[in-house]
């Protein structure tokens, strides 16, 4: 990681919610989801926050030899966002403990604040990480 990766780093990211990121499309194999409201799904929202954090720190890592994986979430989802609205995500790197990074996150859809909370990520070497995953699969014959 570069010296520029430090608490206080901020980043803003905007994302227009498409139809395919709504609750009925989160797990289409579950019939219960098909009758749920057609709004931005919490599962996709969390993924959006992960990528906002990745985009924020990518210039401060030795990318692609250093990457991050999500390890913790404390987030609310307090307002529904229909497709077509643009979500603005603001992230701030608030602390670093070795390779553990903690971000404060807030997001709005132009009308309501839809989320606020924290997200933790861990810096990994993707070669070593993927080797560990391959070993795990091998142990379980997958």
N, C-alpha and C. Protein backbone atom coordinates (compact mmCIF):
# COMPACT_ATOMS: atom_id res chain seq x y z
N UNK A 1 0.84 -1.17 0.00
CA UNK A 1 0.00 0.00 0.00
C UNK A 1 0.88 1.24 0.00
N UNK A 2 0.34 2.30 -0.58
CA UNK A 2 1.09 3.55 -0.69
C UNK A 2 0.88 4.40 0.55
N UNK A 3 1.81 5.32 0.79
CA UNK A 3 1.70 6.21 1.94
C UNK A 3 0.46 7.10 1.87
N UNK A 4 -0.07 7.29 0.67
CA UNK A 4 -1.25 8.15 0.50
C UNK A 4 -2.52 7.52 1.05
N UNK A 5 -2.51 6.21 1.33
CA UNK A 5 -3.67 5.56 1.93
C UNK A 5 -3.67 5.87 3.41
N UNK A 6 -4.57 6.76 3.82
CA UNK A 6 -4.58 7.22 5.20
C UNK A 6 -5.98 7.67 5.60
N UNK A 7 -6.30 7.58 6.89
CA UNK A 7 -7.59 8.09 7.35
C UNK A 7 -7.79 9.54 6.89
N UNK A 8 -9.04 9.84 6.59
CA UNK A 8 -9.39 11.16 6.08
C UNK A 8 -9.66 11.15 4.59
N UNK A 9 -9.23 10.08 3.90
CA UNK A 9 -9.48 9.93 2.47
C UNK A 9 -10.99 9.88 2.23
N UNK A 10 -11.49 10.69 1.31
CA UNK A 10 -12.92 10.69 0.99
C UNK A 10 -13.13 10.41 -0.49
N UNK A 11 -14.34 9.96 -0.81
CA UNK A 11 -14.68 9.62 -2.19
C UNK A 11 -16.18 9.70 -2.34
N UNK A 12 -16.63 10.21 -3.48
CA UNK A 12 -18.05 10.24 -3.80
C UNK A 12 -18.28 9.50 -5.10
N UNK A 13 -19.33 8.69 -5.12
CA UNK A 13 -19.63 7.87 -6.29
C UNK A 13 -21.12 7.93 -6.55
N UNK A 14 -21.50 8.05 -7.81
CA UNK A 14 -22.93 8.08 -8.17
C UNK A 14 -23.26 6.89 -9.04
N UNK A 15 -24.48 6.36 -8.83
CA UNK A 15 -24.92 5.16 -9.53
C UNK A 15 -26.42 5.27 -9.80
N UNK A 16 -26.80 5.19 -11.07
CA UNK A 16 -28.21 5.21 -11.44
C UNK A 16 -28.74 3.78 -11.32
N UNK A 17 -29.76 3.61 -10.50
CA UNK A 17 -30.29 2.27 -10.20
C UNK A 17 -31.05 1.73 -11.40
N UNK A 18 -30.59 0.61 -11.98
CA UNK A 18 -31.32 -0.01 -13.08
C UNK A 18 -32.36 -1.01 -12.57
N UNK A 19 -33.25 -1.42 -13.43
CA UNK A 19 -34.29 -2.40 -13.08
C UNK A 19 -33.69 -3.69 -12.54
N UNK A 20 -32.53 -4.09 -13.05
CA UNK A 20 -31.99 -5.39 -12.64
C UNK A 20 -31.28 -5.37 -11.29
N UNK A 21 -31.36 -4.26 -10.56
CA UNK A 21 -30.79 -4.20 -9.21
C UNK A 21 -31.89 -4.00 -8.16
N UNK A 22 -33.08 -4.48 -8.48
CA UNK A 22 -34.22 -4.35 -7.57
C UNK A 22 -34.47 -5.66 -6.84
N UNK A 23 -35.31 -5.60 -5.80
CA UNK A 23 -35.56 -6.76 -4.95
C UNK A 23 -36.00 -7.99 -5.74
N UNK A 24 -36.95 -7.89 -6.69
CA UNK A 24 -37.36 -9.11 -7.40
C UNK A 24 -36.24 -9.78 -8.19
N UNK A 25 -35.17 -9.06 -8.45
CA UNK A 25 -34.07 -9.62 -9.24
C UNK A 25 -32.88 -10.05 -8.40
N UNK A 26 -32.97 -9.86 -7.08
CA UNK A 26 -31.85 -10.22 -6.22
C UNK A 26 -31.61 -11.73 -6.22
N UNK A 27 -32.63 -12.50 -5.98
CA UNK A 27 -32.57 -13.96 -6.07
C UNK A 27 -33.81 -14.41 -6.83
N UNK A 28 -33.76 -14.35 -8.15
CA UNK A 28 -34.96 -14.66 -8.94
C UNK A 28 -35.49 -16.08 -8.76
N UNK A 29 -34.67 -16.98 -8.22
CA UNK A 29 -35.13 -18.36 -8.01
C UNK A 29 -36.07 -18.48 -6.82
N UNK A 30 -36.19 -17.45 -6.00
CA UNK A 30 -37.10 -17.48 -4.85
C UNK A 30 -38.41 -16.79 -5.23
N UNK A 31 -39.50 -17.53 -5.28
CA UNK A 31 -40.77 -16.92 -5.70
C UNK A 31 -41.24 -15.80 -4.78
N UNK A 32 -40.86 -15.84 -3.51
CA UNK A 32 -41.26 -14.78 -2.58
C UNK A 32 -40.76 -13.41 -3.05
N UNK A 33 -39.58 -13.40 -3.63
CA UNK A 33 -39.00 -12.14 -4.10
C UNK A 33 -39.73 -11.54 -5.27
N UNK A 34 -40.42 -12.37 -6.04
CA UNK A 34 -41.09 -11.88 -7.24
C UNK A 34 -42.28 -10.98 -6.93
N UNK A 35 -42.80 -11.07 -5.72
CA UNK A 35 -43.94 -10.23 -5.34
C UNK A 35 -43.52 -9.07 -4.44
N UNK A 36 -42.24 -8.93 -4.22
CA UNK A 36 -41.71 -7.85 -3.38
C UNK A 36 -41.68 -6.54 -4.19
N UNK A 37 -41.60 -5.40 -3.49
CA UNK A 37 -41.56 -4.11 -4.19
C UNK A 37 -40.37 -4.00 -5.15
N UNK A 38 -40.59 -3.32 -6.24
CA UNK A 38 -39.57 -3.11 -7.27
C UNK A 38 -38.72 -1.89 -6.90
N UNK A 39 -37.87 -2.06 -5.88
CA UNK A 39 -36.99 -1.00 -5.39
C UNK A 39 -35.58 -1.55 -5.24
N UNK A 40 -34.61 -0.64 -5.12
CA UNK A 40 -33.20 -1.01 -4.96
C UNK A 40 -33.06 -1.99 -3.80
N UNK A 41 -32.49 -3.15 -4.08
CA UNK A 41 -32.35 -4.20 -3.07
C UNK A 41 -31.18 -3.93 -2.14
N UNK A 42 -31.38 -4.23 -0.86
CA UNK A 42 -30.32 -4.05 0.13
C UNK A 42 -29.05 -4.81 -0.26
N UNK A 43 -29.21 -6.02 -0.79
CA UNK A 43 -28.05 -6.81 -1.20
C UNK A 43 -27.23 -6.11 -2.28
N UNK A 44 -27.89 -5.52 -3.25
CA UNK A 44 -27.17 -4.77 -4.27
C UNK A 44 -26.60 -3.47 -3.71
N UNK A 45 -27.31 -2.85 -2.76
CA UNK A 45 -26.81 -1.63 -2.14
C UNK A 45 -25.48 -1.90 -1.44
N UNK A 46 -25.41 -2.99 -0.70
CA UNK A 46 -24.17 -3.33 -0.02
C UNK A 46 -23.04 -3.57 -1.03
N UNK A 47 -23.35 -4.24 -2.11
CA UNK A 47 -22.35 -4.43 -3.16
C UNK A 47 -21.88 -3.11 -3.75
N UNK A 48 -22.81 -2.18 -3.93
CA UNK A 48 -22.45 -0.85 -4.43
C UNK A 48 -21.48 -0.16 -3.47
N UNK A 49 -21.75 -0.28 -2.18
CA UNK A 49 -20.87 0.33 -1.19
C UNK A 49 -19.48 -0.31 -1.22
N UNK A 50 -19.43 -1.62 -1.41
CA UNK A 50 -18.12 -2.28 -1.51
C UNK A 50 -17.32 -1.69 -2.67
N UNK A 51 -17.98 -1.56 -3.82
CA UNK A 51 -17.26 -1.04 -4.99
C UNK A 51 -16.92 0.43 -4.86
N UNK A 52 -17.73 1.20 -4.16
CA UNK A 52 -17.38 2.61 -3.90
C UNK A 52 -16.09 2.68 -3.08
N UNK A 53 -15.98 1.81 -2.07
CA UNK A 53 -14.76 1.78 -1.25
C UNK A 53 -13.56 1.31 -2.07
N UNK A 54 -13.77 0.30 -2.91
CA UNK A 54 -12.68 -0.18 -3.76
C UNK A 54 -12.20 0.94 -4.68
N UNK A 55 -13.14 1.64 -5.30
CA UNK A 55 -12.77 2.75 -6.19
C UNK A 55 -12.05 3.85 -5.43
N UNK A 56 -12.44 4.08 -4.18
CA UNK A 56 -11.81 5.13 -3.37
C UNK A 56 -10.35 4.83 -3.10
N UNK A 57 -10.03 3.58 -2.84
CA UNK A 57 -8.66 3.26 -2.40
C UNK A 57 -7.77 2.66 -3.48
N UNK A 58 -8.35 2.28 -4.61
CA UNK A 58 -7.56 1.66 -5.67
C UNK A 58 -6.31 2.47 -6.04
N UNK A 59 -6.39 3.81 -6.18
CA UNK A 59 -5.18 4.56 -6.51
C UNK A 59 -4.12 4.55 -5.41
N UNK A 60 -4.50 4.12 -4.22
CA UNK A 60 -3.60 4.14 -3.08
C UNK A 60 -3.04 2.75 -2.73
N UNK A 61 -3.39 1.77 -3.58
CA UNK A 61 -2.88 0.41 -3.42
C UNK A 61 -1.94 0.09 -4.57
N UNK A 62 -1.18 -0.97 -4.43
CA UNK A 62 -0.36 -1.47 -5.54
C UNK A 62 -1.24 -2.41 -6.37
N UNK A 63 -2.25 -1.83 -6.98
CA UNK A 63 -3.25 -2.56 -7.76
C UNK A 63 -2.63 -3.11 -9.01
N UNK A 64 -2.89 -4.31 -9.44
CA UNK A 64 -3.80 -5.30 -8.88
C UNK A 64 -3.14 -6.28 -7.91
N UNK A 65 -1.89 -6.01 -7.55
CA UNK A 65 -1.19 -6.93 -6.65
C UNK A 65 -1.66 -6.82 -5.20
N UNK A 66 -2.36 -5.75 -4.90
CA UNK A 66 -3.04 -5.59 -3.62
C UNK A 66 -4.50 -5.30 -3.93
N UNK A 67 -5.38 -5.99 -3.25
CA UNK A 67 -6.81 -5.77 -3.40
C UNK A 67 -7.43 -5.82 -2.01
N UNK A 68 -8.73 -5.57 -1.92
CA UNK A 68 -9.38 -5.64 -0.62
C UNK A 68 -10.61 -6.53 -0.70
N UNK A 69 -10.95 -7.13 0.43
CA UNK A 69 -12.17 -7.92 0.55
C UNK A 69 -12.97 -7.36 1.72
N UNK A 70 -14.29 -7.44 1.59
CA UNK A 70 -15.16 -6.96 2.65
C UNK A 70 -15.17 -7.94 3.82
N UNK A 71 -15.09 -7.39 5.04
CA UNK A 71 -15.09 -8.26 6.22
C UNK A 71 -16.11 -7.84 7.27
N UNK A 72 -16.77 -6.69 7.07
CA UNK A 72 -17.74 -6.28 8.07
C UNK A 72 -18.65 -5.18 7.58
N UNK A 73 -19.89 -5.22 8.06
CA UNK A 73 -20.90 -4.23 7.66
C UNK A 73 -21.76 -3.87 8.86
N UNK A 74 -21.95 -2.59 9.08
CA UNK A 74 -22.93 -2.08 10.04
C UNK A 74 -23.65 -0.96 9.31
N UNK A 75 -24.71 -1.31 8.59
CA UNK A 75 -25.38 -0.37 7.70
C UNK A 75 -26.88 -0.39 7.90
N UNK A 76 -27.48 0.77 7.77
CA UNK A 76 -28.94 0.85 7.73
C UNK A 76 -29.39 0.87 6.27
N UNK A 77 -30.66 0.60 6.05
CA UNK A 77 -31.30 0.83 4.75
C UNK A 77 -32.68 1.38 5.08
N UNK A 78 -32.77 2.71 5.11
CA UNK A 78 -33.92 3.37 5.71
C UNK A 78 -34.91 4.01 4.74
N UNK A 79 -34.64 3.96 3.45
CA UNK A 79 -35.58 4.53 2.48
C UNK A 79 -35.52 3.73 1.18
N UNK A 80 -36.66 3.57 0.57
CA UNK A 80 -36.77 2.82 -0.69
C UNK A 80 -36.38 3.72 -1.86
N UNK A 81 -35.64 3.14 -2.81
CA UNK A 81 -35.21 3.87 -4.00
C UNK A 81 -35.71 3.15 -5.25
N UNK A 82 -36.60 3.79 -6.02
CA UNK A 82 -37.07 3.16 -7.25
C UNK A 82 -36.00 3.15 -8.33
N UNK A 83 -36.10 2.24 -9.30
CA UNK A 83 -35.17 2.26 -10.43
C UNK A 83 -35.28 3.61 -11.15
N UNK A 84 -34.15 4.04 -11.69
CA UNK A 84 -34.10 5.32 -12.39
C UNK A 84 -33.55 6.43 -11.53
N UNK A 85 -33.60 6.28 -10.20
CA UNK A 85 -33.02 7.28 -9.30
C UNK A 85 -31.51 7.08 -9.25
N UNK A 86 -30.79 8.16 -8.96
CA UNK A 86 -29.35 8.09 -8.82
C UNK A 86 -28.99 8.11 -7.35
N UNK A 87 -28.24 7.09 -6.94
CA UNK A 87 -27.75 7.00 -5.56
C UNK A 87 -26.36 7.63 -5.51
N UNK A 88 -26.17 8.53 -4.57
CA UNK A 88 -24.87 9.13 -4.33
C UNK A 88 -24.31 8.53 -3.05
N UNK A 89 -23.14 7.92 -3.17
CA UNK A 89 -22.48 7.27 -2.04
C UNK A 89 -21.26 8.10 -1.66
N UNK A 90 -21.17 8.46 -0.39
CA UNK A 90 -20.00 9.15 0.14
C UNK A 90 -19.32 8.22 1.13
N UNK A 91 -18.03 7.99 0.90
CA UNK A 91 -17.25 7.14 1.80
C UNK A 91 -16.08 7.93 2.35
N UNK A 92 -15.71 7.60 3.57
CA UNK A 92 -14.52 8.18 4.18
C UNK A 92 -13.78 7.08 4.90
N UNK A 93 -12.50 6.98 4.63
CA UNK A 93 -11.64 6.05 5.36
C UNK A 93 -11.40 6.67 6.73
N UNK A 94 -11.98 6.04 7.77
CA UNK A 94 -11.89 6.64 9.11
C UNK A 94 -10.82 6.02 9.99
N UNK A 95 -10.42 4.78 9.69
CA UNK A 95 -9.33 4.19 10.47
C UNK A 95 -8.64 3.08 9.72
N UNK A 96 -7.39 2.85 10.12
CA UNK A 96 -6.57 1.76 9.58
C UNK A 96 -5.90 1.08 10.76
N UNK A 97 -6.05 -0.25 10.80
CA UNK A 97 -5.35 -1.06 11.80
C UNK A 97 -4.59 -2.12 11.03
N UNK A 98 -3.36 -1.83 10.69
CA UNK A 98 -2.60 -2.73 9.82
C UNK A 98 -3.26 -2.75 8.45
N UNK A 99 -3.73 -3.93 8.03
CA UNK A 99 -4.37 -4.06 6.73
C UNK A 99 -5.89 -3.96 6.81
N UNK A 100 -6.43 -3.72 7.98
CA UNK A 100 -7.87 -3.57 8.17
C UNK A 100 -8.24 -2.09 8.00
N UNK A 101 -9.19 -1.84 7.10
CA UNK A 101 -9.63 -0.48 6.79
C UNK A 101 -11.09 -0.34 7.20
N UNK A 102 -11.43 0.77 7.87
CA UNK A 102 -12.81 1.03 8.25
C UNK A 102 -13.28 2.31 7.58
N UNK A 103 -14.43 2.20 6.92
CA UNK A 103 -15.02 3.32 6.19
C UNK A 103 -16.33 3.74 6.83
N UNK A 104 -16.57 5.05 6.88
CA UNK A 104 -17.89 5.58 7.18
C UNK A 104 -18.58 5.76 5.83
N UNK A 105 -19.84 5.38 5.77
CA UNK A 105 -20.58 5.44 4.52
C UNK A 105 -21.91 6.14 4.76
N UNK A 106 -22.28 7.00 3.80
CA UNK A 106 -23.60 7.59 3.78
C UNK A 106 -24.05 7.65 2.34
N UNK A 107 -25.34 7.35 2.10
CA UNK A 107 -25.86 7.35 0.74
C UNK A 107 -27.24 7.99 0.72
N UNK A 108 -27.51 8.68 -0.40
CA UNK A 108 -28.84 9.25 -0.60
C UNK A 108 -29.26 9.06 -2.04
N UNK A 109 -30.57 9.18 -2.27
CA UNK A 109 -31.10 8.99 -3.62
C UNK A 109 -31.63 10.29 -4.23
N UNK A 110 -31.21 11.41 -3.69
CA UNK A 110 -31.66 12.71 -4.18
C UNK A 110 -32.92 13.19 -3.48
N UNK A 111 -33.59 12.29 -2.77
CA UNK A 111 -34.78 12.64 -1.99
C UNK A 111 -34.54 12.33 -0.52
N UNK A 112 -34.07 11.11 -0.26
CA UNK A 112 -33.89 10.63 1.11
C UNK A 112 -32.47 10.12 1.33
N UNK A 113 -32.02 10.19 2.59
CA UNK A 113 -30.83 9.42 2.96
C UNK A 113 -31.29 7.98 3.01
N UNK A 114 -30.63 7.10 2.27
CA UNK A 114 -31.06 5.70 2.23
C UNK A 114 -30.23 4.80 3.12
N UNK A 115 -29.03 5.26 3.49
CA UNK A 115 -28.17 4.41 4.31
C UNK A 115 -27.11 5.24 5.01
N UNK A 116 -26.71 4.72 6.16
CA UNK A 116 -25.59 5.30 6.90
C UNK A 116 -25.00 4.18 7.73
N UNK A 117 -23.68 4.16 7.84
CA UNK A 117 -23.05 3.13 8.66
C UNK A 117 -21.58 3.01 8.38
N UNK A 118 -21.05 1.82 8.67
CA UNK A 118 -19.63 1.56 8.46
C UNK A 118 -19.43 0.26 7.70
N UNK A 119 -18.29 0.19 7.07
CA UNK A 119 -17.91 -0.99 6.30
C UNK A 119 -16.42 -1.22 6.52
N UNK A 120 -16.04 -2.48 6.80
CA UNK A 120 -14.64 -2.84 6.98
C UNK A 120 -14.16 -3.68 5.81
N UNK A 121 -12.93 -3.41 5.40
CA UNK A 121 -12.29 -4.16 4.32
C UNK A 121 -10.89 -4.55 4.79
N UNK A 122 -10.34 -5.59 4.16
CA UNK A 122 -9.01 -6.07 4.52
C UNK A 122 -8.18 -6.15 3.25
N UNK A 123 -6.96 -5.65 3.30
CA UNK A 123 -6.06 -5.69 2.14
C UNK A 123 -5.48 -7.10 2.02
N UNK A 124 -5.57 -7.66 0.83
CA UNK A 124 -5.08 -9.02 0.58
C UNK A 124 -4.18 -9.03 -0.66
N UNK A 125 -3.35 -10.06 -0.71
CA UNK A 125 -2.59 -10.39 -1.91
C UNK A 125 -3.49 -11.36 -2.68
N UNK A 126 -3.97 -10.99 -3.87
CA UNK A 126 -4.93 -11.85 -4.57
C UNK A 126 -4.39 -13.22 -4.96
N UNK A 127 -3.09 -13.32 -5.21
CA UNK A 127 -2.52 -14.63 -5.56
C UNK A 127 -2.63 -15.57 -4.36
N UNK A 128 -2.21 -15.09 -3.18
CA UNK A 128 -2.30 -15.91 -1.98
C UNK A 128 -3.76 -16.19 -1.61
N UNK A 129 -4.61 -15.19 -1.74
CA UNK A 129 -6.02 -15.34 -1.41
C UNK A 129 -6.67 -16.41 -2.31
N UNK A 130 -6.44 -16.30 -3.61
CA UNK A 130 -7.02 -17.26 -4.55
C UNK A 130 -6.46 -18.66 -4.35
N UNK A 131 -5.19 -18.78 -3.96
CA UNK A 131 -4.61 -20.09 -3.67
C UNK A 131 -5.30 -20.72 -2.46
N UNK A 132 -5.59 -19.91 -1.45
CA UNK A 132 -6.29 -20.43 -0.26
C UNK A 132 -7.70 -20.89 -0.62
N UNK A 133 -8.37 -20.15 -1.49
CA UNK A 133 -9.72 -20.54 -1.92
C UNK A 133 -9.65 -21.84 -2.74
N UNK A 134 -8.66 -21.96 -3.60
CA UNK A 134 -8.50 -23.19 -4.39
C UNK A 134 -8.26 -24.38 -3.47
N UNK A 135 -7.47 -24.20 -2.43
CA UNK A 135 -7.21 -25.28 -1.47
C UNK A 135 -8.49 -25.65 -0.73
N UNK A 136 -9.26 -24.67 -0.35
CA UNK A 136 -10.53 -24.92 0.32
C UNK A 136 -11.46 -25.74 -0.56
N UNK A 137 -11.55 -25.36 -1.84
CA UNK A 137 -12.39 -26.11 -2.80
C UNK A 137 -11.89 -27.54 -2.95
N UNK A 138 -10.57 -27.70 -3.03
CA UNK A 138 -9.95 -29.01 -3.20
C UNK A 138 -10.29 -29.94 -2.02
N UNK A 139 -10.24 -29.39 -0.82
CA UNK A 139 -10.54 -30.18 0.39
C UNK A 139 -11.98 -30.69 0.40
N UNK A 140 -12.85 -29.97 -0.30
CA UNK A 140 -14.26 -30.35 -0.33
C UNK A 140 -14.68 -30.89 -1.69
N UNK A 141 -13.68 -31.26 -2.49
CA UNK A 141 -13.93 -31.85 -3.81
C UNK A 141 -14.85 -31.01 -4.68
N UNK A 142 -14.63 -29.73 -4.67
CA UNK A 142 -15.44 -28.83 -5.51
C UNK A 142 -14.61 -28.16 -6.58
